């Protein structure tokens, strides 16, 4: 669908059908992309997951634009195509659930990565600090000022 078609208001049942069909097509592609990203993240294949980002962004922008167009004409669509609107609502709810799963997987991968980096940093600092004992007879924790910086490349 061209940019001029997505900017046009929906005024007939046929236009509403086309808009809903277009939104469903966009949603199919977006769902496929999000599921693929989630699968890559779960398997620890971050490069592959990050490579999907441009496509996911483009599809999300198209989805938002077409959703806004359909939402603007919702009263007319509800009268002309109530079943299609109900099906679209159900599909949108399922899509939100998929997105929540995707965000949970991404947050988990982020937390695991951060934990690994913190562990490596702590181990490096522990090994570089002298082992001394305090007045209580326990080993002292390394002083923060003796910590060595840890450089991390964010490029995958």
C-alpha atoms as a PDB file:
ATOM      1  CA  UNK A   1       0.000   0.000   0.000  1.00  0.00           C
ATOM      2  CA  UNK A   2       1.368   3.408  -0.907  1.00  0.00           C
ATOM      3  CA  UNK A   3       1.821   6.284   1.506  1.00  0.00           C
ATOM      4  CA  UNK A   4      -1.054   8.180  -0.081  1.00  0.00           C
ATOM      5  CA  UNK A   5      -3.422   5.237   0.527  1.00  0.00           C
ATOM      6  CA  UNK A   6      -2.470   4.969   4.196  1.00  0.00           C
ATOM      7  CA  UNK A   7      -3.161   8.685   4.649  1.00  0.00           C
ATOM      8  CA  UNK A   8      -6.639   8.470   3.113  1.00  0.00           C
ATOM      9  CA  UNK A   9      -9.656   8.345   5.380  1.00  0.00           C
ATOM     10  CA  UNK A  10     -11.816   5.245   5.290  1.00  0.00           C
ATOM     11  CA  UNK A  11     -15.265   6.136   3.988  1.00  0.00           C
ATOM     12  CA  UNK A  12     -16.696   2.938   2.498  1.00  0.00           C
ATOM     13  CA  UNK A  13     -17.050  -0.679   3.571  1.00  0.00           C
ATOM     14  CA  UNK A  14     -14.729  -1.730   0.733  1.00  0.00           C
ATOM     15  CA  UNK A  15     -12.042   0.691   1.940  1.00  0.00           C
ATOM     16  CA  UNK A  16     -12.519  -0.613   5.478  1.00  0.00           C
ATOM     17  CA  UNK A  17     -12.079  -4.202   4.254  1.00  0.00           C
ATOM     18  CA  UNK A  18      -8.886  -3.245   2.420  1.00  0.00           C
ATOM     19  CA  UNK A  19      -7.548  -1.379   5.451  1.00  0.00           C
ATOM     20  CA  UNK A  20      -8.244  -4.308   7.773  1.00  0.00           C
ATOM     21  CA  UNK A  21      -6.707  -6.743   5.285  1.00  0.00           C
ATOM     22  CA  UNK A  22      -3.634  -4.502   5.008  1.00  0.00           C
ATOM     23  CA  UNK A  23      -3.381  -4.260   8.798  1.00  0.00           C
ATOM     24  CA  UNK A  24      -3.632  -8.058   9.064  1.00  0.00           C
ATOM     25  CA  UNK A  25      -0.883  -8.471   6.454  1.00  0.00           C
ATOM     26  CA  UNK A  26       1.382  -6.041   8.304  1.00  0.00           C
ATOM     27  CA  UNK A  27       0.590  -7.792  11.580  1.00  0.00           C
ATOM     28  CA  UNK A  28       1.438 -11.198  10.047  1.00  0.00           C
ATOM     29  CA  UNK A  29       4.867  -9.929   9.007  1.00  0.00           C
ATOM     30  CA  UNK A  30       5.442  -8.209  12.349  1.00  0.00           C
ATOM     31  CA  UNK A  31       4.418 -11.317  14.313  1.00  0.00           C
ATOM     32  CA  UNK A  32       6.756 -13.452  12.223  1.00  0.00           C
ATOM     33  CA  UNK A  33       9.622 -11.023  12.804  1.00  0.00           C
ATOM     34  CA  UNK A  34       8.998 -10.749  16.555  1.00  0.00           C
ATOM     35  CA  UNK A  35       8.752 -14.542  16.904  1.00  0.00           C
ATOM     36  CA  UNK A  36      12.013 -14.931  14.993  1.00  0.00           C
ATOM     37  CA  UNK A  37      13.706 -12.316  17.188  1.00  0.00           C
ATOM     38  CA  UNK A  38      12.430 -14.037  20.332  1.00  0.00           C
ATOM     39  CA  UNK A  39      13.709 -17.414  19.124  1.00  0.00           C
ATOM     40  CA  UNK A  40      17.156 -15.956  18.392  1.00  0.00           C
ATOM     41  CA  UNK A  41      17.297 -14.255  21.792  1.00  0.00           C
ATOM     42  CA  UNK A  42      16.310 -17.455  23.590  1.00  0.00           C
ATOM     43  CA  UNK A  43      19.093 -19.328  21.819  1.00  0.00           C
ATOM     44  CA  UNK A  44      21.629 -16.596  22.582  1.00  0.00           C
ATOM     45  CA  UNK A  45      22.074 -15.626  18.931  1.00  0.00           C
ATOM     46  CA  UNK A  46      22.165 -11.894  19.541  1.00  0.00           C
ATOM     47  CA  UNK A  47      23.665 -10.934  16.182  1.00  0.00           C
ATOM     48  CA  UNK A  48      20.788 -12.560  14.348  1.00  0.00           C
ATOM     49  CA  UNK A  49      18.262 -10.924  16.681  1.00  0.00           C
ATOM     50  CA  UNK A  50      19.804  -7.470  16.248  1.00  0.00           C
ATOM     51  CA  UNK A  51      19.882  -7.934  12.469  1.00  0.00           C
ATOM     52  CA  UNK A  52      16.067  -8.074  12.528  1.00  0.00           C
ATOM     53  CA  UNK A  53      15.787  -4.629  14.133  1.00  0.00           C
ATOM     54  CA  UNK A  54      15.486  -2.525  10.927  1.00  0.00           C
ATOM     55  CA  UNK A  55      12.722  -4.757   9.557  1.00  0.00           C
ATOM     56  CA  UNK A  56      10.937  -4.807  12.902  1.00  0.00           C
ATOM     57  CA  UNK A  57      11.108  -1.004  13.135  1.00  0.00           C
ATOM     58  CA  UNK A  58       9.762  -0.515   9.606  1.00  0.00           C
ATOM     59  CA  UNK A  59       6.902  -2.959  10.203  1.00  0.00           C
ATOM     60  CA  UNK A  60       6.074  -1.375  13.554  1.00  0.00           C
ATOM     61  CA  UNK A  61       5.854   2.057  11.924  1.00  0.00           C
ATOM     62  CA  UNK A  62       3.541   0.709   9.232  1.00  0.00           C
ATOM     63  CA  UNK A  63       1.463  -1.074  11.881  1.00  0.00           C
ATOM     64  CA  UNK A  64       1.048   2.089  13.952  1.00  0.00           C
ATOM     65  CA  UNK A  65       0.072   4.160  10.900  1.00  0.00           C
ATOM     66  CA  UNK A  66      -2.487   1.651   9.641  1.00  0.00           C
ATOM     67  CA  UNK A  67      -3.835   1.040  13.168  1.00  0.00           C
ATOM     68  CA  UNK A  68      -4.387   4.765  13.598  1.00  0.00           C
ATOM     69  CA  UNK A  69      -6.171   4.905  10.258  1.00  0.00           C
ATOM     70  CA  UNK A  70      -8.471   2.015  11.223  1.00  0.00           C
ATOM     71  CA  UNK A  71      -9.002   3.448  14.709  1.00  0.00           C
ATOM     72  CA  UNK A  72     -10.074   6.790  13.256  1.00  0.00           C
ATOM     73  CA  UNK A  73     -12.791   5.044  11.261  1.00  0.00           C
ATOM     74  CA  UNK A  74     -13.754   2.626  14.047  1.00  0.00           C
ATOM     75  CA  UNK A  75     -17.386   3.813  14.377  1.00  0.00           C
ATOM     76  CA  UNK A  76     -18.006   3.351  10.646  1.00  0.00           C
ATOM     77  CA  UNK A  77     -16.179   0.025  10.584  1.00  0.00           C
ATOM     78  CA  UNK A  78     -18.144  -1.199  13.617  1.00  0.00           C
ATOM     79  CA  UNK A  79     -21.378  -0.575  11.724  1.00  0.00           C
ATOM     80  CA  UNK A  80     -20.264  -1.963   8.374  1.00  0.00           C
ATOM     81  CA  UNK A  81     -17.972  -4.825   9.473  1.00  0.00           C
ATOM     82  CA  UNK A  82     -18.589  -5.704  13.138  1.00  0.00           C
ATOM     83  CA  UNK A  83     -17.206  -9.247  12.808  1.00  0.00           C
ATOM     84  CA  UNK A  84     -13.998  -8.053  11.192  1.00  0.00           C
ATOM     85  CA  UNK A  85     -13.509  -5.466  13.923  1.00  0.00           C
ATOM     86  CA  UNK A  86     -14.104  -8.083  16.647  1.00  0.00           C
ATOM     87  CA  UNK A  87     -11.610 -10.441  15.000  1.00  0.00           C
ATOM     88  CA  UNK A  88      -9.094  -7.618  14.747  1.00  0.00           C
ATOM     89  CA  UNK A  89      -9.492  -6.867  18.470  1.00  0.00           C
ATOM     90  CA  UNK A  90      -8.879 -10.526  19.354  1.00  0.00           C
ATOM     91  CA  UNK A  91      -5.857 -10.635  17.105  1.00  0.00           C
ATOM     92  CA  UNK A  92      -4.493  -7.452  18.640  1.00  0.00           C
ATOM     93  CA  UNK A  93      -4.861  -8.948  22.146  1.00  0.00           C
ATOM     94  CA  UNK A  94      -2.915 -12.051  21.063  1.00  0.00           C
ATOM     95  CA  UNK A  95      -0.293  -9.799  19.484  1.00  0.00           C
ATOM     96  CA  UNK A  96       0.101  -7.876  22.749  1.00  0.00           C
ATOM     97  CA  UNK A  97       0.700 -11.164  24.550  1.00  0.00           C
ATOM     98  CA  UNK A  98       3.386 -12.069  22.007  1.00  0.00           C
ATOM     99  CA  UNK A  99       5.037  -8.675  22.478  1.00  0.00           C
ATOM    100  CA  UNK A 100       5.022  -9.133  26.254  1.00  0.00           C
ATOM    101  CA  UNK A 101       6.794 -12.477  25.847  1.00  0.00           C
ATOM    102  CA  UNK A 102       9.314 -10.855  23.506  1.00  0.00           C
ATOM    103  CA  UNK A 103      10.015  -8.040  25.977  1.00  0.00           C
ATOM    104  CA  UNK A 104      10.425 -10.546  28.808  1.00  0.00           C
ATOM    105  CA  UNK A 105      12.971 -12.554  26.795  1.00  0.00           C
ATOM    106  CA  UNK A 106      14.881  -9.374  25.905  1.00  0.00           C
ATOM    107  CA  UNK A 107      14.877  -8.204  29.540  1.00  0.00           C
ATOM    108  CA  UNK A 108      16.104 -11.619  30.687  1.00  0.00           C
ATOM    109  CA  UNK A 109      18.928 -11.600  28.133  1.00  0.00           C
ATOM    110  CA  UNK A 110      19.871  -8.111  29.276  1.00  0.00           C
ATOM    111  CA  UNK A 111      19.890  -9.126  32.952  1.00  0.00           C
ATOM    112  CA  UNK A 112      21.975 -12.232  32.234  1.00  0.00           C
ATOM    113  CA  UNK A 113      24.456 -10.202  30.184  1.00  0.00           C
ATOM    114  CA  UNK A 114      24.735  -7.577  32.894  1.00  0.00           C
ATOM    115  CA  UNK A 115      25.259 -10.272  35.527  1.00  0.00           C
ATOM    116  CA  UNK A 116      28.047 -11.834  33.478  1.00  0.00           C
ATOM    117  CA  UNK A 117      29.795  -8.489  32.997  1.00  0.00           C
ATOM    118  CA  UNK A 118      29.508  -7.660  36.701  1.00  0.00           C
ATOM    119  CA  UNK A 119      30.856 -11.110  37.585  1.00  0.00           C
ATOM    120  CA  UNK A 120      33.826 -10.758  35.248  1.00  0.00           C
ATOM    121  CA  UNK A 121      34.557  -7.277  36.574  1.00  0.00           C
ATOM    122  CA  UNK A 122      34.359  -8.441  40.191  1.00  0.00           C
ATOM    123  CA  UNK A 123      36.596 -11.417  39.529  1.00  0.00           C
ATOM    124  CA  UNK A 124      39.174  -9.240  37.755  1.00  0.00           C
ATOM    125  CA  UNK A 125      39.220  -6.804  40.662  1.00  0.00           C
ATOM    126  CA  UNK A 126      39.405  -9.590  43.237  1.00  0.00           C
ATOM    127  CA  UNK A 127      42.402 -11.145  41.507  1.00  0.00           C
ATOM    128  CA  UNK A 128      44.249  -7.834  41.205  1.00  0.00           C
ATOM    129  CA  UNK A 129      43.697  -6.752  44.808  1.00  0.00           C
ATOM    130  CA  UNK A 130      46.041  -8.015  47.506  1.00  0.00           C
ATOM    131  CA  UNK A 131      44.557 -10.567  49.903  1.00  0.00           C
ATOM    132  CA  UNK A 132      44.655  -9.064  53.355  1.00  0.00           C
ATOM    133  CA  UNK A 133      42.878  -9.755  56.593  1.00  0.00           C
ATOM    134  CA  UNK A 134      40.983  -7.254  58.674  1.00  0.00           C
ATOM    135  CA  UNK A 135      40.849  -6.860  62.449  1.00  0.00           C
ATOM    136  CA  UNK A 136      38.085  -9.470  62.650  1.00  0.00           C
ATOM    137  CA  UNK A 137      40.252 -12.085  60.931  1.00  0.00           C
ATOM    138  CA  UNK A 138      38.210 -12.064  57.752  1.00  0.00           C
ATOM    139  CA  UNK A 139      39.514 -11.131  54.344  1.00  0.00           C
ATOM    140  CA  UNK A 140      38.980  -7.539  53.327  1.00  0.00           C
ATOM    141  CA  UNK A 141      36.944  -6.701  50.248  1.00  0.00           C
ATOM    142  CA  UNK A 142      38.937  -4.926  47.557  1.00  0.00           C
ATOM    143  CA  UNK A 143      38.759  -1.154  47.874  1.00  0.00           C
ATOM    144  CA  UNK A 144      36.760   0.513  45.076  1.00  0.00           C
ATOM    145  CA  UNK A 145      39.645   2.874  44.340  1.00  0.00           C
ATOM    146  CA  UNK A 146      41.825  -0.132  43.464  1.00  0.00           C
ATOM    147  CA  UNK A 147      39.325  -1.362  40.872  1.00  0.00           C
ATOM    148  CA  UNK A 148      40.450  -1.560  37.303  1.00  0.00           C
ATOM    149  CA  UNK A 149      38.053  -0.317  34.647  1.00  0.00           C
ATOM    150  CA  UNK A 150      36.464  -2.896  32.403  1.00  0.00           C
ATOM    151  CA  UNK A 151      36.011  -1.951  28.762  1.00  0.00           C
ATOM    152  CA  UNK A 152      33.178  -3.612  26.898  1.00  0.00           C
ATOM    153  CA  UNK A 153      32.594  -3.408  23.180  1.00  0.00           C
ATOM    154  CA  UNK A 154      28.867  -2.917  22.567  1.00  0.00           C
ATOM    155  CA  UNK A 155      29.135  -3.897  18.922  1.00  0.00           C
ATOM    156  CA  UNK A 156      27.943  -7.395  18.296  1.00  0.00           C
END
